[in-house]
Amino acid sequence: MTSLIVIAKAPLPGRVKTRLTPPFTPEQAAGLAEAALADTLAAAAATPAERHVLVLDGVPGPWLPPGFEVVPQRGGGLDERLAAAFADCAGPALLIGMDTPQVTPELLAPALAFDTCDAWFGPAADGGFWALGLAAADPALLLGVPMSVPETGAVQFERLRAAGLRTGLLPRLRDVDTAADAAEVAALAPAGRFAARYRRLSARTPVVR
């Protein structure tokens, strides 16, 4: 059974997108995070998979569409939480975060097929990764990978290579971390909830690009 996993935090002020403050307030940053999560979940829901799973730190809100199994995050560091998310889904799985609202079903669907590869890797522009697919969960592939640093993606990709996994590459995407990121991602996906929220907020909040 192939799973499409979204790992996310509930979009609460002061707990998400703190690097957007300033120029945005914590409440505005949380609103942008909620819009990014809603866009991400909509894209995931529209992508054919046998299971759609939200691995959540927090409580679901009205932004959650139907059709998702919601399970709590478990583990300490992000590497542990990612490893646990894969371990909780028997069979092949593709995991994405909530920071790339420009993602589409067309980007995700190919990475749910593991007939010609053992893993999928989606690099992020900041040096991390936005997607990781594994035909079989193996905590050793994730545990100990330094997270949220410029070399995160390189270390994670090397883990896949060193394990001898045939790895398919997904397009490089930009995470929304800073105001400049938000402006670029909103321009890339102007029809989404994230872009609409960004336009409303930036109209009254000076944003340095």
N, C-alpha and C. Protein backbone atom coordinates (compact mmCIF):
# COMPACT_ATOMS: atom_id res chain seq x y z
N MET A 1 0.85 -1.19 0.00
CA MET A 1 0.00 0.00 0.00
C MET A 1 0.88 1.24 0.00
N THR A 2 0.77 2.06 -1.03
CA THR A 2 1.59 3.25 -1.17
C THR A 2 0.94 4.42 -0.45
N SER A 3 1.75 5.12 0.36
CA SER A 3 1.26 6.25 1.15
C SER A 3 1.89 7.55 0.68
N LEU A 4 1.09 8.60 0.68
CA LEU A 4 1.57 9.96 0.48
C LEU A 4 1.45 10.67 1.82
N ILE A 5 2.59 11.06 2.38
CA ILE A 5 2.64 11.62 3.73
C ILE A 5 2.94 13.11 3.65
N VAL A 6 2.17 13.89 4.39
CA VAL A 6 2.49 15.31 4.60
C VAL A 6 2.84 15.46 6.08
N ILE A 7 4.03 15.97 6.38
CA ILE A 7 4.43 16.21 7.76
C ILE A 7 4.35 17.71 8.01
N ALA A 8 3.70 18.10 9.10
CA ALA A 8 3.39 19.51 9.29
C ALA A 8 3.21 19.85 10.76
N LYS A 9 3.29 21.15 11.04
CA LYS A 9 2.90 21.71 12.32
C LYS A 9 1.57 22.43 12.16
N ALA A 10 0.73 22.37 13.17
CA ALA A 10 -0.48 23.19 13.15
C ALA A 10 -0.06 24.65 13.07
N PRO A 11 -0.69 25.44 12.20
CA PRO A 11 -0.25 26.82 11.95
C PRO A 11 -0.68 27.78 13.05
N LEU A 12 0.05 27.79 14.15
CA LEU A 12 -0.26 28.65 15.29
C LEU A 12 0.76 29.78 15.39
N PRO A 13 0.33 31.00 15.73
CA PRO A 13 1.26 32.13 15.84
C PRO A 13 2.38 31.83 16.83
N GLY A 14 3.59 32.15 16.42
CA GLY A 14 4.75 31.95 17.26
C GLY A 14 5.36 30.58 17.17
N ARG A 15 4.68 29.64 16.49
CA ARG A 15 5.19 28.28 16.38
C ARG A 15 5.57 27.91 14.95
N VAL A 16 5.14 28.68 13.99
CA VAL A 16 5.43 28.39 12.59
C VAL A 16 5.91 29.66 11.88
N LYS A 17 6.76 29.45 10.90
CA LYS A 17 7.23 30.53 10.02
C LYS A 17 7.75 31.73 10.81
N THR A 18 8.53 31.46 11.84
CA THR A 18 9.05 32.54 12.67
C THR A 18 10.05 33.42 11.92
N ARG A 19 10.65 32.90 10.85
CA ARG A 19 11.60 33.71 10.08
C ARG A 19 10.90 34.72 9.17
N LEU A 20 9.57 34.66 9.11
CA LEU A 20 8.81 35.68 8.39
C LEU A 20 8.54 36.91 9.27
N THR A 21 8.93 36.82 10.53
CA THR A 21 8.68 37.90 11.48
C THR A 21 10.01 38.52 11.90
N PRO A 22 10.23 39.80 11.58
CA PRO A 22 9.48 40.65 10.65
C PRO A 22 9.78 40.27 9.20
N PRO A 23 9.09 40.84 8.24
CA PRO A 23 8.18 41.97 8.31
C PRO A 23 6.77 41.64 8.77
N PHE A 24 6.39 40.37 8.73
CA PHE A 24 5.03 40.03 9.11
C PHE A 24 4.93 39.80 10.61
N THR A 25 3.75 39.99 11.15
CA THR A 25 3.52 39.69 12.55
C THR A 25 3.42 38.18 12.73
N PRO A 26 3.53 37.68 13.97
CA PRO A 26 3.35 36.23 14.18
C PRO A 26 2.00 35.73 13.68
N GLU A 27 0.96 36.54 13.83
CA GLU A 27 -0.36 36.12 13.35
C GLU A 27 -0.40 36.06 11.82
N GLN A 28 0.22 37.04 11.17
CA GLN A 28 0.28 37.02 9.71
C GLN A 28 1.12 35.86 9.21
N ALA A 29 2.23 35.60 9.88
CA ALA A 29 3.09 34.47 9.49
C ALA A 29 2.33 33.16 9.63
N ALA A 30 1.55 33.04 10.70
CA ALA A 30 0.74 31.82 10.88
C ALA A 30 -0.32 31.71 9.79
N GLY A 31 -0.88 32.83 9.37
CA GLY A 31 -1.84 32.81 8.27
C GLY A 31 -1.22 32.35 6.97
N LEU A 32 0.01 32.79 6.72
CA LEU A 32 0.72 32.33 5.54
C LEU A 32 1.03 30.84 5.64
N ALA A 33 1.41 30.39 6.83
CA ALA A 33 1.68 28.96 7.02
C ALA A 33 0.41 28.14 6.80
N GLU A 34 -0.72 28.63 7.29
CA GLU A 34 -1.99 27.91 7.09
C GLU A 34 -2.33 27.81 5.61
N ALA A 35 -2.12 28.90 4.87
CA ALA A 35 -2.40 28.88 3.44
C ALA A 35 -1.46 27.93 2.71
N ALA A 36 -0.18 27.92 3.10
CA ALA A 36 0.77 26.99 2.49
C ALA A 36 0.39 25.56 2.77
N LEU A 37 -0.03 25.28 3.99
CA LEU A 37 -0.44 23.93 4.35
C LEU A 37 -1.69 23.52 3.59
N ALA A 38 -2.65 24.44 3.47
CA ALA A 38 -3.88 24.13 2.73
C ALA A 38 -3.58 23.81 1.27
N ASP A 39 -2.71 24.59 0.64
CA ASP A 39 -2.33 24.32 -0.76
C ASP A 39 -1.63 22.97 -0.88
N THR A 40 -0.74 22.68 0.06
CA THR A 40 0.01 21.42 0.02
C THR A 40 -0.94 20.24 0.18
N LEU A 41 -1.85 20.33 1.13
CA LEU A 41 -2.80 19.23 1.35
C LEU A 41 -3.73 19.05 0.15
N ALA A 42 -4.12 20.15 -0.48
CA ALA A 42 -4.99 20.05 -1.66
C ALA A 42 -4.26 19.33 -2.79
N ALA A 43 -2.99 19.67 -2.99
CA ALA A 43 -2.22 18.99 -4.03
C ALA A 43 -2.04 17.51 -3.70
N ALA A 44 -1.78 17.22 -2.44
CA ALA A 44 -1.62 15.82 -2.04
C ALA A 44 -2.93 15.05 -2.21
N ALA A 45 -4.04 15.67 -1.83
CA ALA A 45 -5.34 15.00 -1.94
C ALA A 45 -5.70 14.69 -3.39
N ALA A 46 -5.24 15.55 -4.31
CA ALA A 46 -5.53 15.35 -5.73
C ALA A 46 -4.56 14.39 -6.40
N THR A 47 -3.58 13.90 -5.66
CA THR A 47 -2.60 12.95 -6.19
C THR A 47 -3.02 11.54 -5.85
N PRO A 48 -3.19 10.67 -6.85
CA PRO A 48 -3.64 9.30 -6.56
C PRO A 48 -2.64 8.55 -5.68
N ALA A 49 -3.11 8.08 -4.54
CA ALA A 49 -2.32 7.25 -3.63
C ALA A 49 -3.29 6.38 -2.86
N GLU A 50 -2.81 5.25 -2.40
CA GLU A 50 -3.70 4.36 -1.65
C GLU A 50 -4.02 4.90 -0.27
N ARG A 51 -3.09 5.66 0.30
CA ARG A 51 -3.32 6.30 1.59
C ARG A 51 -2.79 7.72 1.54
N HIS A 52 -3.53 8.63 2.15
CA HIS A 52 -3.07 10.01 2.36
C HIS A 52 -2.98 10.22 3.86
N VAL A 53 -1.79 10.57 4.33
CA VAL A 53 -1.52 10.64 5.76
C VAL A 53 -0.98 12.02 6.11
N LEU A 54 -1.53 12.64 7.16
CA LEU A 54 -0.99 13.87 7.71
C LEU A 54 -0.35 13.54 9.05
N VAL A 55 0.96 13.71 9.12
CA VAL A 55 1.71 13.49 10.37
C VAL A 55 1.85 14.87 11.01
N LEU A 56 1.10 15.09 12.08
CA LEU A 56 0.86 16.44 12.56
C LEU A 56 1.40 16.67 13.96
N ASP A 57 2.05 17.80 14.13
CA ASP A 57 2.40 18.33 15.45
C ASP A 57 1.33 19.36 15.79
N GLY A 58 0.35 18.96 16.60
CA GLY A 58 -0.74 19.86 16.95
C GLY A 58 -2.09 19.24 16.66
N VAL A 59 -3.08 20.11 16.55
CA VAL A 59 -4.47 19.68 16.40
C VAL A 59 -4.97 20.08 15.02
N PRO A 60 -5.69 19.20 14.31
CA PRO A 60 -6.22 19.56 12.99
C PRO A 60 -7.18 20.75 13.09
N GLY A 61 -7.23 21.53 12.01
CA GLY A 61 -8.13 22.67 11.93
C GLY A 61 -8.99 22.61 10.68
N PRO A 62 -9.72 23.67 10.39
CA PRO A 62 -10.60 23.68 9.22
C PRO A 62 -9.85 23.61 7.90
N TRP A 63 -8.54 23.76 7.94
CA TRP A 63 -7.71 23.68 6.73
C TRP A 63 -7.52 22.23 6.27
N LEU A 64 -7.92 21.25 7.07
CA LEU A 64 -7.71 19.84 6.72
C LEU A 64 -8.82 19.34 5.80
N PRO A 65 -8.50 18.91 4.58
CA PRO A 65 -9.53 18.38 3.69
C PRO A 65 -9.88 16.94 4.07
N PRO A 66 -11.00 16.43 3.58
CA PRO A 66 -11.35 15.04 3.87
C PRO A 66 -10.39 14.08 3.19
N GLY A 67 -10.35 12.86 3.71
CA GLY A 67 -9.58 11.80 3.07
C GLY A 67 -8.22 11.56 3.66
N PHE A 68 -7.84 12.30 4.69
CA PHE A 68 -6.53 12.14 5.31
C PHE A 68 -6.65 11.39 6.63
N GLU A 69 -5.74 10.43 6.83
CA GLU A 69 -5.54 9.87 8.16
C GLU A 69 -4.60 10.82 8.90
N VAL A 70 -4.94 11.18 10.11
CA VAL A 70 -4.11 12.09 10.90
C VAL A 70 -3.45 11.31 12.02
N VAL A 71 -2.13 11.36 12.07
CA VAL A 71 -1.38 10.68 13.12
C VAL A 71 -0.43 11.70 13.75
N PRO A 72 -0.16 11.59 15.05
CA PRO A 72 0.73 12.56 15.69
C PRO A 72 2.19 12.30 15.35
N GLN A 73 2.95 13.38 15.29
CA GLN A 73 4.39 13.22 15.16
C GLN A 73 4.94 12.59 16.42
N ARG A 74 5.96 11.78 16.25
CA ARG A 74 6.61 11.20 17.43
C ARG A 74 8.12 11.18 17.20
N GLY A 75 8.83 11.30 18.30
CA GLY A 75 10.29 11.40 18.23
C GLY A 75 10.74 12.77 18.68
N GLY A 76 12.04 12.94 18.83
CA GLY A 76 12.60 14.18 19.29
C GLY A 76 12.96 15.11 18.15
N GLY A 77 14.16 14.96 17.59
CA GLY A 77 14.60 15.80 16.48
C GLY A 77 13.84 15.48 15.20
N LEU A 78 14.00 16.37 14.22
CA LEU A 78 13.28 16.18 12.96
C LEU A 78 13.68 14.88 12.28
N ASP A 79 14.95 14.48 12.38
CA ASP A 79 15.36 13.22 11.77
C ASP A 79 14.59 12.04 12.36
N GLU A 80 14.37 12.08 13.68
CA GLU A 80 13.61 11.01 14.34
C GLU A 80 12.14 11.04 13.92
N ARG A 81 11.59 12.24 13.79
CA ARG A 81 10.18 12.35 13.41
C ARG A 81 9.94 11.89 11.97
N LEU A 82 10.89 12.20 11.09
CA LEU A 82 10.76 11.72 9.71
C LEU A 82 10.87 10.20 9.65
N ALA A 83 11.84 9.65 10.37
CA ALA A 83 12.01 8.20 10.39
C ALA A 83 10.76 7.52 10.93
N ALA A 84 10.16 8.09 11.97
CA ALA A 84 8.95 7.51 12.55
C ALA A 84 7.78 7.59 11.59
N ALA A 85 7.69 8.69 10.84
CA ALA A 85 6.60 8.83 9.87
C ALA A 85 6.65 7.73 8.82
N PHE A 86 7.85 7.43 8.33
CA PHE A 86 7.99 6.33 7.37
C PHE A 86 7.68 4.99 8.03
N ALA A 87 8.19 4.78 9.24
CA ALA A 87 7.99 3.50 9.91
C ALA A 87 6.51 3.22 10.18
N ASP A 88 5.72 4.28 10.38
CA ASP A 88 4.31 4.11 10.67
C ASP A 88 3.47 3.81 9.44
N CYS A 89 4.08 3.89 8.26
CA CYS A 89 3.36 3.60 7.01
C CYS A 89 3.98 2.37 6.37
N ALA A 90 3.33 1.23 6.53
CA ALA A 90 3.85 0.01 5.92
C ALA A 90 3.81 0.14 4.40
N GLY A 91 4.91 -0.25 3.76
CA GLY A 91 4.96 -0.19 2.32
C GLY A 91 5.60 1.09 1.82
N PRO A 92 5.65 1.27 0.50
CA PRO A 92 6.29 2.45 -0.08
C PRO A 92 5.59 3.74 0.35
N ALA A 93 6.38 4.81 0.48
CA ALA A 93 5.80 6.08 0.91
C ALA A 93 6.60 7.24 0.34
N LEU A 94 5.89 8.31 0.03
CA LEU A 94 6.49 9.58 -0.35
C LEU A 94 6.11 10.60 0.71
N LEU A 95 7.11 11.29 1.27
CA LEU A 95 6.88 12.27 2.32
C LEU A 95 7.26 13.66 1.82
N ILE A 96 6.37 14.63 2.09
CA ILE A 96 6.64 16.02 1.76
C ILE A 96 6.32 16.87 2.98
N GLY A 97 6.85 18.10 3.00
CA GLY A 97 6.56 19.02 4.07
C GLY A 97 5.47 20.00 3.69
N MET A 98 5.33 21.06 4.49
CA MET A 98 4.27 22.05 4.29
C MET A 98 4.81 23.37 3.74
N ASP A 99 6.09 23.40 3.36
CA ASP A 99 6.74 24.66 3.01
C ASP A 99 6.83 24.92 1.52
N THR A 100 6.22 24.06 0.69
CA THR A 100 6.27 24.24 -0.76
C THR A 100 4.85 24.25 -1.32
N PRO A 101 4.11 25.35 -1.10
CA PRO A 101 2.72 25.39 -1.58
C PRO A 101 2.60 25.40 -3.10
N GLN A 102 3.72 25.55 -3.80
CA GLN A 102 3.69 25.50 -5.26
C GLN A 102 3.67 24.07 -5.80
N VAL A 103 3.72 23.08 -4.92
CA VAL A 103 3.75 21.69 -5.37
C VAL A 103 2.43 21.35 -6.06
N THR A 104 2.49 20.43 -7.01
CA THR A 104 1.31 20.04 -7.78
C THR A 104 1.20 18.51 -7.84
N PRO A 105 0.01 18.00 -8.14
CA PRO A 105 -0.13 16.56 -8.34
C PRO A 105 0.78 16.03 -9.44
N GLU A 106 1.03 16.85 -10.45
CA GLU A 106 1.89 16.42 -11.55
C GLU A 106 3.33 16.21 -11.08
N LEU A 107 3.77 16.98 -10.09
CA LEU A 107 5.10 16.78 -9.52
C LEU A 107 5.15 15.56 -8.63
N LEU A 108 4.06 15.31 -7.89
CA LEU A 108 4.07 14.26 -6.88
C LEU A 108 3.82 12.87 -7.46
N ALA A 109 2.95 12.77 -8.44
CA ALA A 109 2.49 11.46 -8.91
C ALA A 109 3.64 10.54 -9.36
N PRO A 110 4.62 11.03 -10.13
CA PRO A 110 5.68 10.11 -10.56
C PRO A 110 6.46 9.50 -9.41
N ALA A 111 6.56 10.23 -8.27
CA ALA A 111 7.37 9.75 -7.14
C ALA A 111 6.62 8.74 -6.28
N LEU A 112 5.43 8.37 -6.69
CA LEU A 112 4.70 7.31 -5.99
C LEU A 112 4.89 5.96 -6.67
N ALA A 113 5.68 5.95 -7.73
CA ALA A 113 5.98 4.71 -8.44
C ALA A 113 7.41 4.29 -8.11
N PHE A 114 7.57 3.05 -7.69
CA PHE A 114 8.90 2.56 -7.29
C PHE A 114 9.32 1.35 -8.13
N ASP A 115 8.78 1.25 -9.33
CA ASP A 115 9.12 0.09 -10.16
C ASP A 115 10.52 0.20 -10.74
N THR A 116 11.03 1.41 -10.94
CA THR A 116 12.37 1.57 -11.52
C THR A 116 13.36 2.21 -10.55
N CYS A 117 12.93 2.50 -9.32
CA CYS A 117 13.85 3.08 -8.34
C CYS A 117 13.43 2.66 -6.94
N ASP A 118 14.38 2.82 -6.01
CA ASP A 118 14.13 2.46 -4.62
C ASP A 118 13.83 3.67 -3.75
N ALA A 119 14.13 4.87 -4.26
CA ALA A 119 13.94 6.09 -3.49
C ALA A 119 13.72 7.25 -4.45
N TRP A 120 13.11 8.30 -3.91
CA TRP A 120 12.96 9.56 -4.63
C TRP A 120 13.49 10.68 -3.74
N PHE A 121 14.10 11.68 -4.37
CA PHE A 121 14.67 12.78 -3.62
C PHE A 121 14.33 14.09 -4.31
N GLY A 122 13.74 15.02 -3.55
CA GLY A 122 13.41 16.34 -4.07
C GLY A 122 14.24 17.41 -3.38
N PRO A 123 15.28 17.93 -4.02
CA PRO A 123 16.14 18.93 -3.38
C PRO A 123 15.44 20.28 -3.25
N ALA A 124 15.81 21.00 -2.21
CA ALA A 124 15.30 22.35 -1.99
C ALA A 124 16.38 23.36 -2.27
N ALA A 125 15.98 24.56 -2.64
CA ALA A 125 16.94 25.59 -3.03
C ALA A 125 17.83 26.03 -1.88
N ASP A 126 17.37 25.84 -0.64
CA ASP A 126 18.17 26.27 0.51
C ASP A 126 19.16 25.22 0.98
N GLY A 127 19.27 24.12 0.24
CA GLY A 127 20.20 23.06 0.62
C GLY A 127 19.56 21.89 1.34
N GLY A 128 18.28 22.01 1.64
CA GLY A 128 17.56 20.90 2.27
C GLY A 128 16.88 20.03 1.23
N PHE A 129 15.76 19.45 1.61
CA PHE A 129 14.97 18.68 0.65
C PHE A 129 13.49 18.85 0.98
N TRP A 130 12.67 18.84 -0.07
CA TRP A 130 11.24 19.04 0.12
C TRP A 130 10.47 17.74 -0.01
N ALA A 131 11.07 16.70 -0.55
CA ALA A 131 10.39 15.42 -0.73
C ALA A 131 11.39 14.29 -0.57
N LEU A 132 10.91 13.20 0.02
CA LEU A 132 11.71 11.99 0.15
C LEU A 132 10.78 10.80 0.00
N GLY A 133 11.09 9.94 -0.93
CA GLY A 133 10.31 8.73 -1.13
C GLY A 133 11.15 7.50 -0.89
N LEU A 134 10.58 6.52 -0.21
CA LEU A 134 11.29 5.28 0.08
C LEU A 134 10.39 4.09 -0.24
N ALA A 135 10.95 3.14 -0.97
CA ALA A 135 10.19 1.92 -1.25
C ALA A 135 10.01 1.09 0.00
N ALA A 136 10.97 1.19 0.93
CA ALA A 136 10.89 0.47 2.20
C ALA A 136 11.48 1.36 3.29
N ALA A 137 10.76 1.47 4.39
CA ALA A 137 11.23 2.31 5.51
C ALA A 137 12.51 1.73 6.10
N ASP A 138 13.48 2.61 6.33
CA ASP A 138 14.74 2.21 6.97
C ASP A 138 15.21 3.39 7.81
N PRO A 139 15.02 3.33 9.13
CA PRO A 139 15.40 4.46 9.98
C PRO A 139 16.85 4.90 9.80
N ALA A 140 17.74 3.95 9.48
CA ALA A 140 19.16 4.29 9.34
C ALA A 140 19.40 5.29 8.21
N LEU A 141 18.47 5.38 7.27
CA LEU A 141 18.62 6.33 6.17
C LEU A 141 18.42 7.78 6.62
N LEU A 142 17.75 7.97 7.77
CA LEU A 142 17.39 9.31 8.23
C LEU A 142 18.02 9.70 9.56
N LEU A 143 18.14 8.74 10.46
CA LEU A 143 18.60 9.07 11.80
C LEU A 143 20.03 9.60 11.77
N GLY A 144 20.24 10.74 12.41
CA GLY A 144 21.56 11.35 12.45
C GLY A 144 21.83 12.34 11.34
N VAL A 145 20.92 12.46 10.36
CA VAL A 145 21.10 13.48 9.32
C VAL A 145 20.86 14.86 9.95
N PRO A 146 21.81 15.78 9.85
CA PRO A 146 21.61 17.11 10.44
C PRO A 146 20.53 17.86 9.69
N MET A 147 19.54 18.34 10.41
CA MET A 147 18.39 18.99 9.79
C MET A 147 18.49 20.51 9.90
N SER A 148 17.87 21.18 8.93
CA SER A 148 17.76 22.64 8.93
C SER A 148 19.12 23.34 8.88
N VAL A 149 20.06 22.72 8.16
CA VAL A 149 21.36 23.33 7.90
C VAL A 149 21.62 23.26 6.40
N PRO A 150 22.54 24.07 5.87
CA PRO A 150 22.73 24.11 4.42
C PRO A 150 23.12 22.77 3.80
N GLU A 151 23.73 21.87 4.57
CA GLU A 151 24.16 20.59 4.00
C GLU A 151 23.16 19.45 4.21
N THR A 152 21.97 19.76 4.72
CA THR A 152 20.99 18.70 4.99
C THR A 152 20.72 17.84 3.77
N GLY A 153 20.43 18.47 2.65
CA GLY A 153 20.09 17.72 1.45
C GLY A 153 21.24 16.86 0.96
N ALA A 154 22.44 17.42 0.99
CA ALA A 154 23.60 16.67 0.52
C ALA A 154 23.85 15.44 1.38
N VAL A 155 23.72 15.60 2.69
CA VAL A 155 23.93 14.46 3.59
C VAL A 155 22.85 13.41 3.37
N GLN A 156 21.59 13.86 3.24
CA GLN A 156 20.50 12.90 3.04
C GLN A 156 20.66 12.15 1.72
N PHE A 157 21.01 12.87 0.67
CA PHE A 157 21.19 12.21 -0.63
C PHE A 157 22.35 11.22 -0.57
N GLU A 158 23.41 11.56 0.14
CA GLU A 158 24.55 10.65 0.27
C GLU A 158 24.14 9.40 1.03
N ARG A 159 23.25 9.52 2.01
CA ARG A 159 22.76 8.34 2.72
C ARG A 159 22.08 7.38 1.73
N LEU A 160 21.28 7.92 0.84
CA LEU A 160 20.59 7.08 -0.15
C LEU A 160 21.60 6.43 -1.08
N ARG A 161 22.58 7.22 -1.54
CA ARG A 161 23.60 6.69 -2.46
C ARG A 161 24.43 5.61 -1.79
N ALA A 162 24.86 5.88 -0.54
CA ALA A 162 25.71 4.92 0.17
C ALA A 162 24.99 3.61 0.44
N ALA A 163 23.66 3.68 0.55
CA ALA A 163 22.88 2.47 0.77
C ALA A 163 22.65 1.69 -0.52
N GLY A 164 23.13 2.22 -1.63
CA GLY A 164 22.98 1.53 -2.91
C GLY A 164 21.60 1.64 -3.51
N LEU A 165 20.82 2.65 -3.09
CA LEU A 165 19.45 2.78 -3.58
C LEU A 165 19.43 3.48 -4.94
N ARG A 166 18.67 2.92 -5.85
CA ARG A 166 18.41 3.60 -7.12
C ARG A 166 17.49 4.77 -6.80
N THR A 167 17.97 6.00 -7.02
CA THR A 167 17.25 7.18 -6.55
C THR A 167 16.83 8.06 -7.71
N GLY A 168 15.53 8.32 -7.80
CA GLY A 168 15.01 9.25 -8.79
C GLY A 168 15.02 10.66 -8.25
N LEU A 169 15.35 11.62 -9.11
CA LEU A 169 15.43 13.01 -8.69
C LEU A 169 14.19 13.78 -9.12
N LEU A 170 13.63 14.54 -8.19
CA LEU A 170 12.51 15.43 -8.46
C LEU A 170 13.04 16.84 -8.69
N PRO A 171 12.23 17.73 -9.26
CA PRO A 171 12.71 19.10 -9.50
C PRO A 171 13.07 19.82 -8.20
N ARG A 172 14.02 20.73 -8.29
CA ARG A 172 14.40 21.56 -7.15
C ARG A 172 13.30 22.60 -6.91
N LEU A 173 12.84 22.70 -5.67
CA LEU A 173 11.82 23.68 -5.30
C LEU A 173 12.35 24.59 -4.20
N ARG A 174 11.72 25.74 -4.07
CA ARG A 174 12.10 26.70 -3.04
C ARG A 174 11.14 26.60 -1.86
N ASP A 175 11.66 26.38 -0.67
CA ASP A 175 10.87 26.40 0.55
C ASP A 175 10.51 27.85 0.89
N VAL A 176 9.39 28.01 1.58
CA VAL A 176 9.03 29.32 2.13
C VAL A 176 9.59 29.42 3.54
N ASP A 177 10.68 30.14 3.68
CA ASP A 177 11.26 30.40 5.00
C ASP A 177 11.30 31.89 5.32
N THR A 178 11.67 32.68 4.33
CA THR A 178 11.83 34.12 4.52
C THR A 178 10.80 34.88 3.68
N ALA A 179 10.74 36.21 3.89
CA ALA A 179 9.83 37.03 3.10
C ALA A 179 10.18 36.98 1.62
N ALA A 180 11.48 36.94 1.31
CA ALA A 180 11.89 36.83 -0.09
C ALA A 180 11.42 35.51 -0.70
N ASP A 181 11.52 34.43 0.08
CA ASP A 181 11.00 33.14 -0.39
C ASP A 181 9.50 33.24 -0.67
N ALA A 182 8.79 33.85 0.25
CA ALA A 182 7.33 33.96 0.11
C ALA A 182 6.95 34.70 -1.17
N ALA A 183 7.68 35.78 -1.46
CA ALA A 183 7.38 36.54 -2.66
C ALA A 183 7.61 35.70 -3.91
N GLU A 184 8.72 34.96 -3.94
CA GLU A 184 9.03 34.15 -5.13
C GLU A 184 8.03 33.01 -5.31
N VAL A 185 7.71 32.33 -4.22
CA VAL A 185 6.79 31.19 -4.32
C VAL A 185 5.39 31.67 -4.69
N ALA A 186 4.95 32.80 -4.15
CA ALA A 186 3.64 33.34 -4.52
C ALA A 186 3.58 33.66 -6.00
N ALA A 187 4.68 34.15 -6.57
CA ALA A 187 4.71 34.44 -8.00
C ALA A 187 4.70 33.18 -8.84
N LEU A 188 5.27 32.10 -8.32
CA LEU A 188 5.31 30.84 -9.06
C LEU A 188 3.95 30.15 -9.12
N ALA A 189 3.12 30.35 -8.10
CA ALA A 189 1.81 29.70 -8.03
C ALA A 189 0.76 30.75 -7.69
N PRO A 190 0.48 31.68 -8.61
CA PRO A 190 -0.36 32.83 -8.29
C PRO A 190 -1.83 32.50 -8.02
N ALA A 191 -2.28 31.31 -8.40
CA ALA A 191 -3.68 30.96 -8.23
C ALA A 191 -3.97 30.29 -6.89
N GLY A 192 -2.93 30.03 -6.09
CA GLY A 192 -3.12 29.28 -4.85
C GLY A 192 -3.56 30.14 -3.68
N ARG A 193 -3.93 29.46 -2.60
CA ARG A 193 -4.33 30.16 -1.38
C ARG A 193 -3.15 30.94 -0.81
N PHE A 194 -1.96 30.35 -0.88
CA PHE A 194 -0.79 31.03 -0.35
C PHE A 194 -0.55 32.35 -1.05
N ALA A 195 -0.60 32.34 -2.37
CA ALA A 195 -0.36 33.57 -3.13
C ALA A 195 -1.42 34.62 -2.82
N ALA A 196 -2.67 34.19 -2.71
CA ALA A 196 -3.74 35.14 -2.39
C ALA A 196 -3.52 35.76 -1.01
N ARG A 197 -3.15 34.94 -0.02
CA ARG A 197 -2.89 35.46 1.31
C ARG A 197 -1.68 36.39 1.31
N TYR A 198 -0.64 35.99 0.59
CA TYR A 198 0.56 36.83 0.52
C TYR A 198 0.23 38.19 -0.10
N ARG A 199 -0.54 38.22 -1.17
CA ARG A 199 -0.88 39.49 -1.81
C ARG A 199 -1.65 40.39 -0.86
N ARG A 200 -2.60 39.81 -0.12
CA ARG A 200 -3.38 40.62 0.81
C ARG A 200 -2.48 41.23 1.89
N LEU A 201 -1.59 40.40 2.44
CA LEU A 201 -0.76 40.87 3.53
C LEU A 201 0.32 41.85 3.06
N SER A 202 0.95 41.55 1.93
CA SER A 202 2.04 42.40 1.47
C SER A 202 1.53 43.74 0.97
N ALA A 203 0.24 43.83 0.64
CA ALA A 203 -0.32 45.10 0.23
C ALA A 203 -0.29 46.12 1.35
N ARG A 204 -0.30 45.63 2.60
CA ARG A 204 -0.28 46.57 3.72
C ARG A 204 0.94 46.38 4.62
N THR A 205 1.84 45.44 4.25
CA THR A 205 3.06 45.21 5.02
C THR A 205 4.25 45.36 4.11
N PRO A 206 5.11 46.35 4.31
CA PRO A 206 6.29 46.49 3.44
C PRO A 206 7.15 45.24 3.50
N VAL A 207 7.49 44.68 2.34
CA VAL A 207 8.29 43.47 2.26
C VAL A 207 9.57 43.77 1.51
N VAL A 208 10.70 43.49 2.13
CA VAL A 208 12.00 43.68 1.49
C VAL A 208 12.35 42.42 0.73
N ARG A 209 12.55 42.51 -0.58
CA ARG A 209 12.86 41.34 -1.40
C ARG A 209 14.35 41.28 -1.67
